[in-house]
Protein backbone atom coordinates (compact mmCIF):
# COMPACT_ATOMS: atom_id res chain seq x y z
CA UNK A 1 26.45 251.03 -5.53
CA UNK A 2 25.56 250.17 -8.78
CA UNK A 3 22.38 249.06 -10.23
CA UNK A 4 21.97 247.32 -13.45
CA UNK A 5 19.17 246.18 -15.52
CA UNK A 6 20.01 244.14 -18.38
CA UNK A 7 18.11 242.75 -21.19
CA UNK A 8 17.56 241.25 -23.81
CA UNK A 9 15.22 239.99 -27.25
CA UNK A 10 12.45 241.89 -26.80
CA UNK A 11 11.70 241.12 -30.07
CA UNK A 12 9.24 244.25 -30.57
CA UNK A 13 7.64 244.23 -34.17
CA UNK A 14 7.65 240.55 -34.76
CA UNK A 15 5.57 238.98 -37.22
CA UNK A 16 3.59 236.01 -37.25
CA UNK A 17 2.14 235.24 -40.31
CA UNK A 18 -0.62 232.81 -39.17
CA UNK A 19 -2.38 235.60 -37.42
CA UNK A 20 -4.61 238.63 -38.81
CA UNK A 21 -4.29 242.13 -38.68
CA UNK A 22 -5.76 242.24 -35.18
CA UNK A 23 -4.72 239.54 -33.69
CA UNK A 24 -0.63 240.79 -35.03
CA UNK A 25 -1.87 244.25 -33.18
CA UNK A 26 -2.84 242.57 -30.03
CA UNK A 27 0.49 240.12 -30.12
CA UNK A 28 3.07 243.34 -31.16
CA UNK A 29 1.38 245.43 -27.76
CA UNK A 30 1.89 242.54 -25.54
CA UNK A 31 5.79 242.31 -26.83
CA UNK A 32 5.67 245.86 -25.45
CA UNK A 33 3.90 245.12 -22.34
CA UNK A 34 6.30 242.68 -21.71
CA UNK A 35 9.12 245.36 -22.49
CA UNK A 36 7.90 248.13 -20.63
CA UNK A 37 7.99 246.30 -17.77
CA UNK A 38 11.93 246.15 -17.76
CA UNK A 39 11.43 249.41 -18.23
CA UNK A 40 9.31 250.26 -15.20
CA UNK A 41 11.49 248.44 -12.72
CA UNK A 42 14.51 250.23 -13.98
CA UNK A 43 12.95 253.35 -13.74
CA UNK A 44 12.55 252.48 -9.76
CA UNK A 45 15.87 250.92 -9.07
CA UNK A 46 18.32 251.01 -11.78
CA UNK A 47 21.49 253.19 -12.48
CA UNK A 48 22.41 251.66 -15.72
CA UNK A 49 20.09 249.54 -18.35
CA UNK A 50 21.61 247.63 -20.51
CA UNK A 51 19.87 245.69 -23.93
CA UNK A 52 22.01 243.13 -25.23
CA UNK A 53 20.45 242.86 -28.86
CA UNK A 54 17.32 242.06 -30.65
CA UNK A 55 15.15 244.84 -29.14
CA UNK A 56 13.72 244.84 -32.43
CA UNK A 57 13.03 241.54 -34.67
CA UNK A 58 13.84 243.40 -37.73
CA UNK A 59 15.84 246.57 -39.38
CA UNK A 60 12.58 247.75 -39.96
CA UNK A 61 10.40 247.65 -37.11
CA UNK A 62 6.96 249.78 -37.49
CA UNK A 63 6.24 253.10 -36.65
CA UNK A 64 3.75 252.56 -33.47
CA UNK A 65 6.76 249.84 -32.06
CA UNK A 66 9.72 252.61 -32.60
CA UNK A 67 7.54 255.41 -31.17
CA UNK A 68 7.14 253.17 -28.01
CA UNK A 69 10.88 252.73 -27.46
CA UNK A 70 11.45 256.18 -28.27
CA UNK A 71 9.09 257.21 -25.07
CA UNK A 72 10.85 254.36 -23.32
CA UNK A 73 14.17 255.82 -23.56
CA UNK A 74 13.29 259.27 -22.91
CA UNK A 75 12.09 258.15 -19.45
CA UNK A 76 14.91 256.37 -18.97
CA UNK A 77 16.98 259.43 -20.03
CA UNK A 78 14.75 261.82 -17.97
CA UNK A 79 15.43 259.89 -14.90
CA UNK A 80 19.17 260.31 -15.22
CA UNK A 81 19.57 256.35 -16.37
CA UNK A 82 22.05 255.64 -19.02
CA UNK A 83 21.14 253.25 -21.70
CA UNK A 84 23.57 251.07 -23.53
CA UNK A 85 22.72 248.82 -26.26
CA UNK A 86 23.99 246.77 -29.05
CA UNK A 87 22.30 245.36 -32.61
CA UNK A 88 21.73 241.35 -32.53
CA UNK A 89 20.97 238.98 -35.12
CA UNK A 90 17.42 240.57 -36.14
CA UNK A 91 18.06 244.45 -35.86
CA UNK A 92 21.68 244.36 -37.42
CA UNK A 93 21.20 245.09 -41.16
CA UNK A 94 22.29 242.64 -43.54
CA UNK A 95 23.19 245.49 -46.42
CA UNK A 96 25.73 248.20 -45.86
CA UNK A 97 22.18 250.10 -47.57
CA UNK A 98 20.48 249.96 -44.61
CA UNK A 99 20.67 251.37 -40.89
CA UNK A 100 20.14 249.73 -37.61
CA UNK A 101 17.01 251.29 -35.99
CA UNK A 102 19.40 251.76 -32.44
CA UNK A 103 21.33 254.36 -34.83
CA UNK A 104 18.84 256.37 -35.08
CA UNK A 105 17.92 256.29 -31.40
CA UNK A 106 21.56 257.27 -30.70
CA UNK A 107 21.33 260.16 -33.41
CA UNK A 108 18.74 261.38 -31.16
CA UNK A 109 20.84 260.77 -27.97
CA UNK A 110 18.50 258.29 -26.38
CA UNK A 111 21.01 255.02 -26.16
CA UNK A 112 25.01 254.92 -26.27
CA UNK A 113 25.06 252.12 -29.52
CA UNK A 114 28.08 250.39 -30.23
CA UNK A 115 27.40 249.31 -33.68
CA UNK A 116 30.95 248.15 -34.69
CA UNK A 117 30.84 244.29 -35.32
CA UNK A 118 34.41 243.61 -35.72
CA UNK A 119 36.31 245.45 -32.55
CA UNK A 120 35.22 245.99 -28.83
CA UNK A 121 34.60 249.86 -28.18
CA UNK A 122 34.20 251.39 -24.38
CA UNK A 123 32.44 253.79 -22.82
CA UNK A 124 33.49 255.13 -19.73
CA UNK A 125 30.98 256.54 -16.97
CA UNK A 126 31.08 257.20 -12.68
CA UNK A 127 28.18 255.65 -11.14
CA UNK A 128 28.33 256.51 -7.14
CA UNK A 129 31.74 257.16 -7.23
CA UNK A 130 32.52 253.69 -8.93
CA UNK A 131 34.09 253.86 -12.92
CA UNK A 132 32.40 251.92 -14.85
CA UNK A 133 33.37 250.50 -18.39
CA UNK A 134 30.65 249.53 -20.52
CA UNK A 135 31.67 247.82 -23.88
CA UNK A 136 29.83 246.14 -26.84
CA UNK A 137 30.22 244.64 -29.82
CA UNK A 138 27.39 244.23 -32.59
CA UNK A 139 26.26 241.30 -34.11
CA UNK A 140 28.33 240.27 -37.59
CA UNK A 141 25.54 238.44 -39.28
CA UNK A 142 28.42 237.75 -41.98
CA UNK A 143 30.33 235.08 -40.53
CA UNK A 144 30.46 231.89 -40.79
CA UNK A 145 29.49 229.64 -38.61
CA UNK A 146 32.83 227.83 -37.91
CA UNK A 147 34.30 231.37 -37.42
CA UNK A 148 35.03 232.88 -33.69
CA UNK A 149 33.15 236.23 -33.40
CA UNK A 150 35.80 237.42 -31.16
CA UNK A 151 39.22 236.64 -32.92
CA UNK A 152 41.56 239.44 -32.35
CA UNK A 153 39.56 241.42 -30.01
CA UNK A 154 40.37 242.92 -26.59
CA UNK A 155 38.31 245.20 -24.05
CA UNK A 156 40.60 248.13 -24.48
CA UNK A 157 39.69 250.38 -21.39
CA UNK A 158 39.57 249.14 -18.08
CA UNK A 159 37.50 250.72 -14.76
CA UNK A 160 36.32 249.20 -11.38
CA UNK A 161 33.15 247.24 -13.06
CA UNK A 162 33.67 246.12 -16.60
CA UNK A 163 30.64 244.99 -18.69
CA UNK A 164 30.80 243.47 -21.99
CA UNK A 165 27.59 243.40 -24.26
CA UNK A 166 27.15 240.63 -26.92
CA UNK A 167 24.82 238.79 -29.01
CA UNK A 168 25.58 235.12 -29.84
CA UNK A 169 25.21 231.65 -28.66
CA UNK A 170 27.55 230.38 -26.07
CA UNK A 171 29.14 227.05 -26.89
CA UNK A 172 27.93 224.43 -24.15
CA UNK A 173 25.11 227.18 -23.07
CA UNK A 174 23.00 226.65 -26.37
CA UNK A 175 21.14 224.85 -28.34
CA UNK A 176 22.54 221.49 -28.72
CA UNK A 177 23.37 220.77 -33.01
CA UNK A 178 22.72 224.46 -33.50
CA UNK A 179 24.13 226.30 -36.85
CA UNK A 180 24.08 229.92 -35.19
CA UNK A 181 27.02 232.00 -34.56
CA UNK A 182 28.76 230.76 -30.86
CA UNK A 183 31.02 231.85 -28.45
CA UNK A 184 33.14 229.56 -27.14
CA UNK A 185 34.07 229.49 -23.18
CA UNK A 186 37.89 230.11 -23.97
CA UNK A 187 37.43 233.30 -26.00
CA UNK A 188 35.09 234.61 -23.50
CA UNK A 189 38.08 233.86 -20.83
CA UNK A 190 40.85 235.32 -23.17
CA UNK A 191 39.38 238.40 -22.86
CA UNK A 192 41.24 240.15 -19.56
CA UNK A 193 39.62 242.38 -17.42
CA UNK A 194 35.68 241.98 -18.39
CA UNK A 195 34.06 241.08 -15.04
CA UNK A 196 30.53 241.02 -16.89
CA UNK A 197 29.33 239.65 -20.23
CA UNK A 198 26.01 240.32 -21.03
CA UNK A 199 25.17 238.31 -23.75
CA UNK A 200 21.67 238.31 -25.99
CA UNK A 201 20.43 235.34 -28.20
CA UNK A 202 19.31 232.85 -26.31
CA UNK A 203 16.45 232.71 -25.16
CA UNK A 204 16.54 230.54 -21.95
CA UNK A 205 17.94 232.66 -18.97
CA UNK A 206 20.84 232.08 -17.67
CA UNK A 207 23.47 232.78 -14.93
CA UNK A 208 27.42 231.34 -14.30
CA UNK A 209 30.57 231.63 -13.50
CA UNK A 210 33.69 230.96 -15.71
CA UNK A 211 36.61 231.88 -13.55
CA UNK A 212 36.28 235.06 -12.28
CA UNK A 213 33.89 236.60 -14.95
CA UNK A 214 30.02 236.38 -14.41
CA UNK A 215 28.23 235.25 -17.83
CA UNK A 216 24.69 236.43 -17.48
CA UNK A 217 22.39 235.06 -20.81
CA UNK A 218 18.88 237.04 -20.13
CA UNK A 219 16.58 235.36 -21.90
CA UNK A 220 13.86 236.78 -23.67
CA UNK A 221 10.91 239.09 -22.47
CA UNK A 222 8.40 236.98 -24.66
CA UNK A 223 7.60 233.52 -25.70
CA UNK A 224 8.03 234.05 -29.33
CA UNK A 225 7.26 230.73 -30.47
CA UNK A 226 5.23 227.58 -28.92
CA UNK A 227 8.70 225.50 -28.47
CA UNK A 228 9.27 227.78 -25.74
CA UNK A 229 5.64 227.79 -24.34
CA UNK A 230 7.10 226.49 -21.22
CA UNK A 231 10.08 229.14 -21.02
CA UNK A 232 10.75 231.58 -18.31
CA UNK A 233 10.81 235.20 -19.74
CA UNK A 234 12.32 238.29 -18.03
CA UNK A 235 15.26 240.23 -17.45
CA UNK A 236 18.27 240.13 -14.61
CA UNK A 237 18.59 242.78 -11.77
CA UNK A 238 22.55 243.36 -10.48
CA UNK A 239 23.63 244.83 -7.92
CA UNK A 240 27.58 245.98 -7.63
CA UNK A 241 29.20 246.69 -4.16
CA UNK A 242 32.53 246.72 -3.09
CA UNK A 243 33.91 244.44 -5.63
CA UNK A 244 30.98 241.59 -5.23
CA UNK A 245 28.40 241.18 -7.96
CA UNK A 246 25.09 239.89 -7.06
CA UNK A 247 22.45 238.82 -10.32
CA UNK A 248 18.83 238.15 -9.71
CA UNK A 249 16.55 236.76 -12.25
CA UNK A 250 13.24 239.19 -12.70
CA UNK A 251 10.50 237.52 -14.33
CA UNK A 252 8.00 239.45 -16.69
CA UNK A 253 3.98 238.70 -16.97
CA UNK A 254 3.35 237.45 -20.37
CA UNK A 255 0.81 236.19 -22.91
CA UNK A 256 -0.50 232.56 -22.33
CA UNK A 257 0.91 229.79 -24.57
CA UNK A 258 -0.04 226.42 -24.40
CA UNK A 259 0.09 222.99 -26.79
CA UNK A 260 -1.98 220.28 -26.58
CA UNK A 261 -0.92 217.02 -28.02
CA UNK A 262 -3.94 214.76 -29.06
CA UNK A 263 -2.62 211.00 -30.75
CA UNK A 264 -4.19 208.61 -33.12
CA UNK A 265 -4.38 206.28 -30.08
CA UNK A 266 -6.44 208.56 -27.68
CA UNK A 267 -8.85 209.22 -30.83
CA UNK A 268 -9.15 205.51 -31.92
CA UNK A 269 -9.98 204.56 -27.96
CA UNK A 270 -12.72 207.53 -28.09
CA UNK A 271 -14.93 206.17 -31.02
CA UNK A 272 -17.58 207.25 -32.03
CA UNK A 273 -17.48 210.57 -30.78
CA UNK A 274 -13.46 211.96 -31.53
CA UNK A 275 -14.83 215.33 -32.06
CA UNK A 276 -16.08 216.03 -28.58
CA UNK A 277 -13.30 214.58 -27.18
CA UNK A 278 -10.85 216.81 -29.12
CA UNK A 279 -12.99 219.41 -27.82
CA UNK A 280 -13.16 219.11 -24.68
CA UNK A 281 -9.35 218.97 -24.66
CA UNK A 282 -9.54 222.11 -26.27
CA UNK A 283 -12.01 224.11 -24.02
CA UNK A 284 -9.88 222.91 -21.06
CA UNK A 285 -7.10 224.87 -22.27
CA UNK A 286 -8.82 227.84 -23.79
CA UNK A 287 -9.32 231.34 -22.65
CA UNK A 288 -9.56 234.69 -24.25
CA UNK A 289 -5.62 235.75 -24.14
CA UNK A 290 -4.45 232.46 -25.07
CA UNK A 291 -2.33 231.32 -27.59
CA UNK A 292 -3.11 227.61 -28.04
CA UNK A 293 -2.40 224.76 -30.47
CA UNK A 294 -3.61 222.12 -30.78
CA UNK A 295 -0.91 219.32 -32.04
CA UNK A 296 -2.37 215.75 -33.70
CA UNK A 297 0.18 213.10 -33.79
CA UNK A 298 0.04 209.58 -34.57
CA UNK A 299 -1.12 207.04 -37.86
CA UNK A 300 -4.85 207.33 -38.50
CA UNK A 301 -6.73 205.61 -40.83
CA UNK A 302 -8.20 208.04 -43.61
CA UNK A 303 -12.19 206.93 -42.18
CA UNK A 304 -11.13 207.94 -38.95
CA UNK A 305 -9.62 210.80 -39.97
CA UNK A 306 -12.57 211.97 -41.70
CA UNK A 307 -14.93 210.84 -38.61
CA UNK A 308 -13.26 214.02 -36.81
CA UNK A 309 -15.56 217.09 -37.43
CA UNK A 310 -12.13 219.48 -37.97
CA UNK A 311 -13.89 222.79 -39.16
CA UNK A 312 -16.22 222.25 -35.94
CA UNK A 313 -13.02 222.15 -33.63
CA UNK A 314 -11.19 225.00 -35.66
CA UNK A 315 -13.93 227.57 -35.40
CA UNK A 316 -14.48 226.67 -31.57
CA UNK A 317 -10.60 227.31 -31.04
CA UNK A 318 -10.67 230.37 -32.38
CA UNK A 319 -13.64 231.23 -30.68
CA UNK A 320 -11.94 231.00 -27.36
CA UNK A 321 -8.72 231.95 -27.52
CA UNK A 322 -6.45 234.93 -29.06
CA UNK A 323 -5.21 232.67 -31.24
CA UNK A 324 -5.58 229.02 -32.28
CA UNK A 325 -3.95 226.84 -34.45
CA UNK A 326 -3.87 222.95 -35.60
CA UNK A 327 -0.58 221.33 -36.31
CA UNK A 328 -0.86 218.15 -38.59
CA UNK A 329 2.96 217.73 -39.15
CA UNK A 330 3.11 215.26 -37.31
CA UNK A 331 0.18 213.19 -38.30
CA UNK A 332 0.44 210.22 -41.24
CA UNK A 333 -2.71 209.02 -42.84
CA UNK A 334 -2.09 205.74 -43.69
CA UNK A 335 -1.72 204.80 -47.19
CA UNK A 336 -1.11 208.49 -48.40
CA UNK A 337 2.31 209.82 -49.79
CA UNK A 338 3.90 211.95 -46.86
CA UNK A 339 4.37 215.61 -48.24
CA UNK A 340 7.53 217.00 -47.56
CA UNK A 341 6.14 220.62 -45.77
CA UNK A 342 7.46 223.60 -45.06
CA UNK A 343 11.62 223.51 -43.51
CA UNK A 344 11.63 219.44 -44.39
CA UNK A 345 14.01 218.36 -46.27
CA UNK A 346 14.85 218.00 -50.03
CA UNK A 347 17.17 219.66 -52.76
CA UNK A 348 17.13 223.29 -52.51
CA UNK A 349 18.94 225.47 -55.48
CA UNK A 350 19.33 227.82 -53.13
CA UNK A 351 20.89 225.83 -50.23
CA UNK A 352 23.60 224.66 -52.77
CA UNK A 353 24.76 227.72 -53.86
CA UNK A 354 24.61 229.05 -50.37
CA UNK A 355 27.06 225.92 -49.38
CA UNK A 356 29.21 226.51 -52.44
CA UNK A 357 30.57 230.08 -51.67
CA UNK A 358 30.53 229.90 -48.12
CA UNK A 359 33.46 227.18 -48.74
CA UNK A 360 34.75 229.73 -50.97
CA UNK A 361 34.45 232.19 -48.14
CA UNK A 362 36.45 229.65 -45.79
CA UNK A 363 39.36 229.32 -48.05
CA UNK A 364 39.70 233.08 -49.10
CA UNK A 365 43.01 233.97 -49.08
CA UNK A 366 42.38 237.62 -47.13
CA UNK A 367 39.75 239.60 -45.45
CA UNK A 368 38.95 241.28 -48.49
CA UNK A 369 38.35 238.52 -50.36
CA UNK A 370 36.40 237.04 -48.31
CA UNK A 371 34.37 240.14 -48.10
CA UNK A 372 33.94 239.94 -52.17
CA UNK A 373 32.61 237.02 -51.39
CA UNK A 374 30.07 237.75 -48.88
CA UNK A 375 28.85 241.08 -50.87
CA UNK A 376 28.32 238.34 -53.92
CA UNK A 377 26.44 235.59 -51.89
CA UNK A 378 24.03 238.31 -50.42
CA UNK A 379 23.24 239.39 -53.93
CA UNK A 380 22.64 235.80 -55.07
CA UNK A 381 20.44 235.31 -51.96
CA UNK A 382 17.83 238.54 -52.75
CA UNK A 383 17.95 237.42 -56.50
CA UNK A 384 16.47 234.06 -54.90
CA UNK A 385 14.10 235.72 -52.34
CA UNK A 386 12.85 238.08 -55.49
CA UNK A 387 11.81 234.85 -57.36
CA UNK A 388 9.39 233.76 -54.97
């Protein structure tokens, strides 16, 4: 029997711009704790530990997170558990001058790192008499959404059990309308000989069949934002025996995250003490470890808006929660011009340039010309970033 732990999207060293330094330290510890639960499970039950990208949220993780992962990998190696990994959208360098942190760990012989982006490399190992072929391809961050990341690839060497790690969305099993790089079920089906695809990137865990192949998206080990507050977090445990592959999702304990929605109609009915109404809702959802967001929606008169003691709500929320935020993005004040908020619509010279160059890349005659255009686009976008 071969026992496997499959994880992805741990996002260690994530940054939250609205958090102060103490909150950031606590939040990063929660991310580490979630990853450690996966490692501890593997230490008790696994022969193989697979990481399908975005172990880190950046190519330059903080030293404490880097040291933490080194210790985890050392524990796995000391217990004879092979570790295999790829880099994802966050921990794959976009510049040739940078190095994935996983490359550093591979040099220390703590992980087998599949760093190639355009070719599948395979490592064969023998586990309890079973020849296992593990392949991986790191994320190609310089492809356009219209390009197929798996075009022209093949799984070169095969064993009794064949596994492939990648980090892309899967069409039909991803966020509807997202512009991220995706692979098609047809591309997966064309990779002959692969028994199991372990695919990171999507934070929603999935386990489905594609003909004779098994596709597992382990999801994230922690919720990264309030849009994921109801998401399951965890990893997959797999057992292979006599040609049969059994997979089971394993949840991990995460930091509690919640969102309260207060609508304008509710505030109108709560007259004359709207502040107490909101505070009651906040207090019911609060806790010392909770990440809590209050979202205010609808249309309010200026008079009603100013009747609420938002400062008091803010102070109470901060005092009673690990993190508290008030979101007014869906609120309109009567008679005021609506502002275009961050991420909203509007002209962007930067995005216009990106669109023009990406069109040129699509029309390029050969791969060398494509790479030259991608290098030029990287330099242009880097220059725009410096202007901020």
